[in-house]
């Protein structure tokens, strides 16, 4: 520790990580008497990452800029590991904070472990039970949890998962998910939505995960086209991931369809504005499953399994798989049945109350002997406001 403060190195590399770590960085920097906060990014998502950094006013101390078109997972992992190892040896932090299930989380955890530096894992304990779904995220998260020292579990279920794997319960803190902290911040801002024209009920759809590539993604796009053609009051907005596999499929099947808008991924501020404008959301994203309930938007999850089971149990999301007919059927049910829609839209969010970052800061202080008692846990059974 320097001048009595805890030096925390926060490492991330993708847009979702940046969104979820932004409120943590803000919280730690706001407690400058307790924390010396250093930010390192790998730049795995270059343009999309930069948009989030600008939105939240984050200025990284280190930027590895590893992004290269067409690179394989092994390249991303090795570049991140080598780069973060150099940064850790230079910074000599008291704690390295990583997030979730991206490759930076895996590489950051390993680099800290190799240097015998304590590790904190934000959004620890999520499990799908299938090591290839999501791929490679499920294994990234499991390995990070195995070697981390402080586990910030978003929900009680995540805590239970960790305990069942032998993690010491005394170093697991149920904090809620920091994405709700970020969402509530951004949704309170007056951000102009420049996607349109958006007429009638807006259906927002996203699909980008590796396990969705190929036939599954084709099925998803065919389902979206069928829904738009069935309901003449629907406008579909499909923010197409920058990966050419996703873009080619979306444009081939949805391009030219009346009332179907294929757009570049909007920056996070405009994306939140789009979610607020939406009526129904179809996605394979994990983060959107967590965010949408706080905006009162039902979610249909276009995946075979999800590690966000709390949303399914709470009734804010429904797992519909990647079969075209099943997706159309489930979407049609919510578009036709107002009572069924209302039940999903008004459920409490099981993922957070906007106070996760404060709990994380207090838990770190407790871990380093600066607090006598741990922070109160987020009650994921009661949830946040719906």
Protein backbone atom coordinates (compact mmCIF):
# COMPACT_ATOMS: atom_id res chain seq x y z
CA UNK A 1 0.00 0.00 0.00
CA UNK A 2 1.15 3.50 -0.81
CA UNK A 3 0.39 6.44 1.53
CA UNK A 4 -2.02 4.17 3.39
CA UNK A 5 -4.33 3.68 0.39
CA UNK A 6 -5.23 0.39 -1.27
CA UNK A 7 -3.88 0.35 -4.82
CA UNK A 8 -6.47 -1.34 -7.07
CA UNK A 9 -5.74 -2.23 -10.68
CA UNK A 10 -9.01 -2.51 -12.64
CA UNK A 11 -8.56 -4.53 -15.84
CA UNK A 12 -11.04 -5.04 -18.69
CA UNK A 13 -11.17 -5.14 -22.46
CA UNK A 14 -14.66 -5.35 -23.96
CA UNK A 15 -17.69 -3.08 -24.11
CA UNK A 16 -19.78 -5.16 -21.65
CA UNK A 17 -16.93 -5.24 -19.14
CA UNK A 18 -16.44 -1.48 -19.47
CA UNK A 19 -20.11 -0.79 -18.85
CA UNK A 20 -20.17 -2.98 -15.76
CA UNK A 21 -16.84 -1.76 -14.38
CA UNK A 22 -17.51 1.95 -14.98
CA UNK A 23 -19.59 2.43 -11.82
CA UNK A 24 -16.99 0.50 -9.79
CA UNK A 25 -14.23 2.80 -11.06
CA UNK A 26 -16.39 5.83 -10.26
CA UNK A 27 -17.01 4.51 -6.74
CA UNK A 28 -13.35 3.77 -6.04
CA UNK A 29 -12.18 7.11 -7.44
CA UNK A 30 -14.80 8.83 -5.31
CA UNK A 31 -13.13 7.31 -2.27
CA UNK A 32 -9.65 8.60 -3.04
CA UNK A 33 -8.80 8.68 0.66
CA UNK A 34 -9.08 4.87 0.67
CA UNK A 35 -8.17 3.79 -2.87
CA UNK A 36 -5.49 4.52 -5.44
CA UNK A 37 -7.26 3.38 -8.61
CA UNK A 38 -5.36 2.38 -11.77
CA UNK A 39 -7.24 1.42 -14.95
CA UNK A 40 -5.85 -0.91 -17.64
CA UNK A 41 -7.69 -1.92 -20.81
CA UNK A 42 -6.71 -4.54 -23.35
CA UNK A 43 -8.71 -2.92 -26.16
CA UNK A 44 -10.31 -6.20 -27.22
CA UNK A 45 -13.33 -4.21 -28.50
CA UNK A 46 -11.61 -1.09 -29.81
CA UNK A 47 -14.30 1.26 -31.14
CA UNK A 48 -17.12 -0.01 -28.93
CA UNK A 49 -14.87 0.15 -25.86
CA UNK A 50 -13.82 3.72 -26.62
CA UNK A 51 -17.47 4.80 -26.80
CA UNK A 52 -18.11 3.49 -23.27
CA UNK A 53 -14.94 5.04 -21.87
CA UNK A 54 -16.02 8.42 -23.27
CA UNK A 55 -19.59 8.07 -21.99
CA UNK A 56 -18.43 7.43 -18.42
CA UNK A 57 -15.40 9.74 -18.52
CA UNK A 58 -12.84 6.96 -17.95
CA UNK A 59 -9.24 7.65 -18.95
CA UNK A 60 -7.18 4.44 -18.77
CA UNK A 61 -3.65 4.61 -17.45
CA UNK A 62 -2.72 1.70 -19.73
CA UNK A 63 -4.13 0.58 -23.08
CA UNK A 64 -2.74 -2.56 -24.71
CA UNK A 65 -4.73 -2.06 -27.96
CA UNK A 66 -4.55 -5.75 -28.83
CA UNK A 67 -7.41 -5.74 -31.34
CA UNK A 68 -6.52 -7.15 -34.75
CA UNK A 69 -8.98 -8.26 -37.43
CA UNK A 70 -9.53 -12.00 -37.59
CA UNK A 71 -7.37 -12.92 -34.61
CA UNK A 72 -8.04 -16.19 -32.81
CA UNK A 73 -8.88 -16.71 -29.16
CA UNK A 74 -5.37 -17.96 -28.49
CA UNK A 75 -3.93 -14.67 -29.76
CA UNK A 76 -6.34 -12.58 -27.70
CA UNK A 77 -5.53 -14.61 -24.60
CA UNK A 78 -1.76 -14.61 -25.00
CA UNK A 79 -1.55 -10.88 -25.83
CA UNK A 80 -3.78 -10.00 -22.88
CA UNK A 81 -1.84 -12.22 -20.48
CA UNK A 82 1.58 -10.91 -21.51
CA UNK A 83 0.44 -7.28 -21.51
CA UNK A 84 -1.34 -7.42 -18.16
CA UNK A 85 1.62 -9.23 -16.62
CA UNK A 86 3.88 -6.31 -17.59
CA UNK A 87 1.40 -3.80 -16.18
CA UNK A 88 0.98 -5.67 -12.90
CA UNK A 89 4.76 -5.89 -12.40
CA UNK A 90 5.04 -2.14 -13.01
CA UNK A 91 2.04 -1.01 -10.96
CA UNK A 92 2.50 -3.47 -8.07
CA UNK A 93 -1.17 -3.28 -7.03
CA UNK A 94 -2.57 -4.54 -3.75
CA UNK A 95 -5.59 -5.96 -5.62
CA UNK A 96 -6.46 -6.71 -9.25
CA UNK A 97 -10.14 -6.39 -10.14
CA UNK A 98 -11.49 -8.33 -13.13
CA UNK A 99 -15.01 -8.73 -14.40
CA UNK A 100 -17.25 -11.50 -15.59
CA UNK A 101 -16.37 -13.93 -18.33
CA UNK A 102 -14.42 -12.17 -21.09
CA UNK A 103 -10.90 -13.19 -22.06
CA UNK A 104 -9.50 -10.21 -20.13
CA UNK A 105 -11.01 -11.66 -16.97
CA UNK A 106 -9.21 -14.95 -17.53
CA UNK A 107 -5.92 -13.29 -18.51
CA UNK A 108 -6.06 -10.71 -15.73
CA UNK A 109 -6.73 -13.35 -13.10
CA UNK A 110 -3.86 -15.52 -14.32
CA UNK A 111 -1.44 -12.60 -14.52
CA UNK A 112 -2.29 -11.51 -10.98
CA UNK A 113 -2.04 -15.09 -9.72
CA UNK A 114 1.38 -15.57 -11.33
CA UNK A 115 2.54 -12.41 -9.51
CA UNK A 116 0.93 -13.50 -6.21
CA UNK A 117 -1.38 -10.48 -6.17
CA UNK A 118 -4.88 -10.84 -4.63
CA UNK A 119 -7.71 -10.90 -7.15
CA UNK A 120 -11.29 -9.67 -6.92
CA UNK A 121 -13.88 -11.00 -9.37
CA UNK A 122 -16.87 -8.78 -10.09
CA UNK A 123 -19.91 -10.79 -11.25
CA UNK A 124 -18.55 -14.06 -9.89
CA UNK A 125 -20.41 -17.35 -9.70
CA UNK A 126 -22.59 -17.40 -12.82
CA UNK A 127 -22.86 -20.85 -14.35
CA UNK A 128 -24.66 -22.37 -17.33
CA UNK A 129 -23.47 -25.91 -16.61
CA UNK A 130 -22.26 -26.37 -20.20
CA UNK A 131 -18.62 -25.55 -20.89
CA UNK A 132 -19.37 -24.76 -24.55
CA UNK A 133 -22.42 -22.54 -23.88
CA UNK A 134 -21.49 -19.74 -23.74
CA UNK A 135 -18.15 -20.35 -25.41
CA UNK A 136 -15.51 -19.51 -24.22
CA UNK A 137 -17.11 -17.45 -21.47
CA UNK A 138 -18.25 -20.32 -19.26
CA UNK A 139 -14.71 -21.63 -18.78
CA UNK A 140 -13.22 -18.13 -18.51
CA UNK A 141 -15.50 -17.46 -15.57
CA UNK A 142 -14.91 -20.80 -13.87
CA UNK A 143 -11.12 -20.45 -14.01
CA UNK A 144 -11.24 -16.88 -12.75
CA UNK A 145 -13.40 -17.95 -9.81
CA UNK A 146 -11.01 -20.81 -8.96
CA UNK A 147 -8.06 -18.46 -8.44
CA UNK A 148 -9.72 -15.28 -7.18
CA UNK A 149 -9.55 -14.22 -3.53
CA UNK A 150 -12.64 -12.01 -3.23
CA UNK A 151 -15.83 -12.98 -5.04
CA UNK A 152 -18.46 -10.34 -5.75
CA UNK A 153 -21.50 -12.48 -6.54
CA UNK A 154 -24.41 -10.57 -8.09
CA UNK A 155 -27.09 -12.84 -6.61
CA UNK A 156 -27.64 -15.47 -3.93
CA UNK A 157 -27.74 -18.17 -6.61
CA UNK A 158 -24.28 -17.14 -7.78
CA UNK A 159 -23.07 -17.32 -4.18
CA UNK A 160 -24.52 -20.83 -3.85
CA UNK A 161 -22.74 -21.88 -7.04
CA UNK A 162 -19.42 -20.73 -5.63
CA UNK A 163 -19.93 -22.46 -2.30
CA UNK A 164 -20.79 -25.72 -4.06
CA UNK A 165 -17.40 -25.49 -5.80
CA UNK A 166 -15.51 -25.16 -2.53
CA UNK A 167 -15.08 -21.36 -2.36
CA UNK A 168 -14.76 -20.03 1.20
CA UNK A 169 -18.15 -18.41 2.00
CA UNK A 170 -16.49 -15.73 4.13
CA UNK A 171 -14.97 -14.16 1.00
CA UNK A 172 -18.12 -14.19 -1.10
CA UNK A 173 -20.16 -10.98 -1.07
CA UNK A 174 -23.62 -10.72 -2.65
CA UNK A 175 -23.57 -7.24 -4.16
CA UNK A 176 -26.15 -7.11 -6.94
CA UNK A 177 -24.95 -6.55 -10.49
CA UNK A 178 -23.05 -3.38 -11.32
CA UNK A 179 -24.78 -3.20 -14.71
CA UNK A 180 -27.86 -1.91 -12.88
CA UNK A 181 -25.74 0.86 -11.36
CA UNK A 182 -24.61 1.81 -14.87
CA UNK A 183 -28.08 1.49 -16.37
CA UNK A 184 -29.75 3.73 -13.78
CA UNK A 185 -27.04 6.34 -14.28
CA UNK A 186 -27.35 6.41 -18.08
CA UNK A 187 -31.15 6.04 -18.24
CA UNK A 188 -31.50 9.21 -16.16
CA UNK A 189 -29.63 11.21 -18.81
CA UNK A 190 -31.35 13.01 -21.67
CA UNK A 191 -29.83 11.14 -24.62
CA UNK A 192 -31.16 11.61 -28.15
CA UNK A 193 -32.18 8.44 -30.00
CA UNK A 194 -31.33 8.90 -33.69
CA UNK A 195 -32.43 5.49 -35.02
CA UNK A 196 -35.58 5.51 -37.05
CA UNK A 197 -38.20 6.03 -38.07
CA UNK A 198 -39.56 3.99 -35.16
CA UNK A 199 -43.28 3.49 -35.62
CA UNK A 200 -45.67 1.45 -33.50
CA UNK A 201 -44.31 -1.16 -31.12
CA UNK A 202 -40.54 -1.48 -31.30
CA UNK A 203 -38.99 -4.92 -31.12
CA UNK A 204 -35.26 -4.81 -30.32
CA UNK A 205 -33.22 -7.91 -31.17
CA UNK A 206 -29.55 -8.71 -30.67
CA UNK A 207 -27.63 -11.90 -31.48
CA UNK A 208 -23.88 -12.18 -31.49
CA UNK A 209 -22.62 -15.07 -29.34
CA UNK A 210 -20.25 -17.56 -30.94
CA UNK A 211 -22.58 -20.48 -30.27
CA UNK A 212 -25.27 -18.62 -32.25
CA UNK A 213 -23.16 -18.40 -35.42
CA UNK A 214 -24.30 -20.49 -38.38
CA UNK A 215 -27.66 -22.27 -38.44
CA UNK A 216 -28.82 -20.88 -35.09
CA UNK A 217 -28.30 -17.28 -36.22
CA UNK A 218 -30.10 -18.01 -39.49
CA UNK A 219 -33.05 -19.42 -37.51
CA UNK A 220 -33.10 -16.32 -35.33
CA UNK A 221 -33.13 -13.96 -38.30
CA UNK A 222 -35.84 -15.98 -40.05
CA UNK A 223 -37.95 -15.77 -36.88
CA UNK A 224 -37.49 -12.01 -36.67
CA UNK A 225 -38.55 -11.61 -40.29
CA UNK A 226 -41.65 -13.74 -39.70
CA UNK A 227 -42.63 -11.67 -36.65
CA UNK A 228 -42.36 -8.39 -38.56
CA UNK A 229 -44.40 -9.81 -41.42
CA UNK A 230 -47.08 -11.14 -39.06
CA UNK A 231 -47.58 -7.91 -37.07
CA UNK A 232 -48.02 -4.75 -39.13
CA UNK A 233 -47.58 -2.46 -36.10
CA UNK A 234 -44.06 -3.74 -35.33
CA UNK A 235 -40.76 -2.03 -36.15
CA UNK A 236 -37.74 -4.28 -35.69
CA UNK A 237 -34.37 -2.79 -34.75
CA UNK A 238 -31.43 -5.18 -35.09
CA UNK A 239 -28.13 -3.62 -33.93
CA UNK A 240 -25.76 -5.89 -35.88
CA UNK A 241 -22.56 -6.84 -34.08
CA UNK A 242 -19.44 -5.75 -35.99
CA UNK A 243 -18.41 -9.36 -36.54
CA UNK A 244 -18.84 -10.00 -40.29
CA UNK A 245 -20.46 -13.39 -39.64
CA UNK A 246 -23.32 -11.69 -37.80
CA UNK A 247 -23.64 -8.84 -40.28
CA UNK A 248 -23.72 -10.99 -43.38
CA UNK A 249 -26.44 -13.25 -42.00
CA UNK A 250 -28.57 -10.36 -40.75
CA UNK A 251 -28.35 -8.46 -44.03
CA UNK A 252 -29.02 -11.53 -46.15
CA UNK A 253 -32.23 -12.45 -44.30
CA UNK A 254 -33.50 -9.14 -42.93
CA UNK A 255 -32.13 -6.69 -45.47
CA UNK A 256 -34.90 -5.06 -47.48
CA UNK A 257 -37.66 -6.26 -45.13
CA UNK A 258 -40.16 -3.46 -44.56
CA UNK A 259 -40.06 -2.10 -40.98
CA UNK A 260 -36.81 -3.95 -40.23
CA UNK A 261 -33.88 -1.67 -39.40
CA UNK A 262 -30.37 -3.12 -39.35
CA UNK A 263 -28.03 -0.66 -37.70
CA UNK A 264 -24.51 -0.44 -36.35
CA UNK A 265 -24.32 -1.11 -32.62
CA UNK A 266 -25.26 2.21 -30.99
CA UNK A 267 -23.11 3.53 -28.19
CA UNK A 268 -24.31 2.52 -24.75
CA UNK A 269 -26.17 5.76 -24.08
CA UNK A 270 -28.24 5.48 -27.25
CA UNK A 271 -28.68 1.75 -26.72
CA UNK A 272 -30.25 2.39 -23.31
CA UNK A 273 -32.50 4.97 -24.96
CA UNK A 274 -33.45 2.32 -27.53
CA UNK A 275 -34.28 -0.21 -24.82
CA UNK A 276 -36.46 2.40 -23.10
CA UNK A 277 -38.31 2.97 -26.39
CA UNK A 278 -38.75 -0.78 -27.01
CA UNK A 279 -41.84 -2.86 -26.35
CA UNK A 280 -40.21 -6.31 -26.41
CA UNK A 281 -36.58 -7.51 -26.48
CA UNK A 282 -35.23 -10.70 -28.07
CA UNK A 283 -31.57 -11.41 -27.38
CA UNK A 284 -28.77 -13.86 -26.72
CA UNK A 285 -26.98 -11.26 -24.56
CA UNK A 286 -26.37 -11.86 -20.89
CA UNK A 287 -26.25 -8.18 -19.93
CA UNK A 288 -29.59 -7.34 -21.52
CA UNK A 289 -31.25 -10.11 -19.50
CA UNK A 290 -30.06 -8.20 -16.42
CA UNK A 291 -30.84 -4.67 -17.61
CA UNK A 292 -34.26 -4.98 -19.22
CA UNK A 293 -36.29 -5.71 -16.04
CA UNK A 294 -35.24 -2.36 -14.56
CA UNK A 295 -36.83 -0.71 -17.61
CA UNK A 296 -39.98 -2.85 -17.45
CA UNK A 297 -39.24 -4.72 -20.70
CA UNK A 298 -39.90 -8.47 -21.13
CA UNK A 299 -37.04 -10.47 -22.62
CA UNK A 300 -37.07 -13.58 -24.78
CA UNK A 301 -33.68 -15.29 -24.52
CA UNK A 302 -32.66 -16.88 -27.83
CA UNK A 303 -30.30 -19.47 -26.38
CA UNK A 304 -30.56 -23.12 -25.35
CA UNK A 305 -29.15 -22.46 -21.86
CA UNK A 306 -28.52 -19.34 -19.81
CA UNK A 307 -26.37 -18.61 -16.79
CA UNK A 308 -28.88 -15.92 -15.80
CA UNK A 309 -31.43 -18.32 -14.34
CA UNK A 310 -32.69 -15.75 -11.84
CA UNK A 311 -34.41 -13.87 -14.66
CA UNK A 312 -36.22 -17.01 -15.78
CA UNK A 313 -37.33 -17.81 -12.25
CA UNK A 314 -38.42 -14.23 -11.57
CA UNK A 315 -40.49 -14.20 -14.76
CA UNK A 316 -38.72 -11.21 -16.31
CA UNK A 317 -37.24 -13.37 -19.10
CA UNK A 318 -38.21 -16.53 -20.95
CA UNK A 319 -35.78 -19.03 -22.50
CA UNK A 320 -36.99 -19.77 -26.02
CA UNK A 321 -34.03 -21.45 -27.74
CA UNK A 322 -33.06 -20.95 -31.38
CA UNK A 323 -35.82 -22.78 -33.20
CA UNK A 324 -37.55 -20.42 -35.63
CA UNK A 325 -41.11 -21.55 -34.93
CA UNK A 326 -40.61 -21.46 -31.16
CA UNK A 327 -39.26 -17.90 -31.24
CA UNK A 328 -42.18 -16.73 -33.40
CA UNK A 329 -44.68 -18.49 -31.14
CA UNK A 330 -43.33 -16.99 -27.91
CA UNK A 331 -43.01 -13.50 -29.34
CA UNK A 332 -46.51 -13.66 -30.78
CA UNK A 333 -47.90 -14.65 -27.41
CA UNK A 334 -46.52 -11.50 -25.78
CA UNK A 335 -47.52 -9.30 -28.70
CA UNK A 336 -51.11 -10.59 -28.62
CA UNK A 337 -51.76 -11.16 -24.91
CA UNK A 338 -51.67 -7.88 -22.97
CA UNK A 339 -52.10 -9.57 -19.58
CA UNK A 340 -49.23 -11.98 -20.20
CA UNK A 341 -47.09 -9.06 -21.30
CA UNK A 342 -47.98 -7.02 -18.23
CA UNK A 343 -47.05 -9.86 -15.88
CA UNK A 344 -43.53 -10.05 -17.31
CA UNK A 345 -43.09 -6.29 -17.56
CA UNK A 346 -43.94 -5.55 -13.93
CA UNK A 347 -41.78 -8.16 -12.17
CA UNK A 348 -39.00 -6.89 -9.89
CA UNK A 349 -35.45 -7.05 -11.18
CA UNK A 350 -33.58 -9.92 -9.44
CA UNK A 351 -30.19 -8.53 -10.43
CA UNK A 352 -29.67 -5.28 -8.62
CA UNK A 353 -30.79 -2.08 -6.94
CA UNK A 354 -28.12 0.33 -8.17
CA UNK A 355 -25.92 0.00 -5.07
CA UNK A 356 -23.58 -2.83 -6.09
CA UNK A 357 -20.49 -0.66 -6.54
CA UNK A 358 -20.76 0.73 -3.02
CA UNK A 359 -20.99 -2.80 -1.62
CA UNK A 360 -17.91 -3.82 -3.62
CA UNK A 361 -15.89 -0.91 -2.24
CA UNK A 362 -16.96 -1.70 1.32
CA UNK A 363 -16.14 -5.40 0.83
CA UNK A 364 -12.61 -4.52 -0.32
CA UNK A 365 -12.12 -2.33 2.72
CA UNK A 366 -13.35 -5.19 4.91
CA UNK A 367 -10.99 -7.65 3.18
CA UNK A 368 -8.04 -5.33 3.88
CA UNK A 369 -8.99 -4.77 7.52
CA UNK A 370 -10.36 -1.23 7.08
CA UNK A 371 -13.87 -2.21 8.16
CA UNK A 372 -14.95 -4.32 11.11
CA UNK A 373 -18.05 -5.75 9.45
CA UNK A 374 -18.84 -6.77 5.87
CA UNK A 375 -21.36 -4.79 3.81
CA UNK A 376 -25.00 -5.76 3.80
CA UNK A 377 -25.92 -8.23 1.05
CA UNK A 378 -28.19 -7.41 -1.89
CA UNK A 379 -31.49 -9.25 -1.45
CA UNK A 380 -31.79 -10.88 -4.85
CA UNK A 381 -35.03 -12.54 -3.74
CA UNK A 382 -36.73 -9.19 -3.41
CA UNK A 383 -34.88 -7.58 -6.30
CA UNK A 384 -34.78 -3.98 -7.44
CA UNK A 385 -37.58 -1.84 -8.77
CA UNK A 386 -39.31 -3.20 -11.88
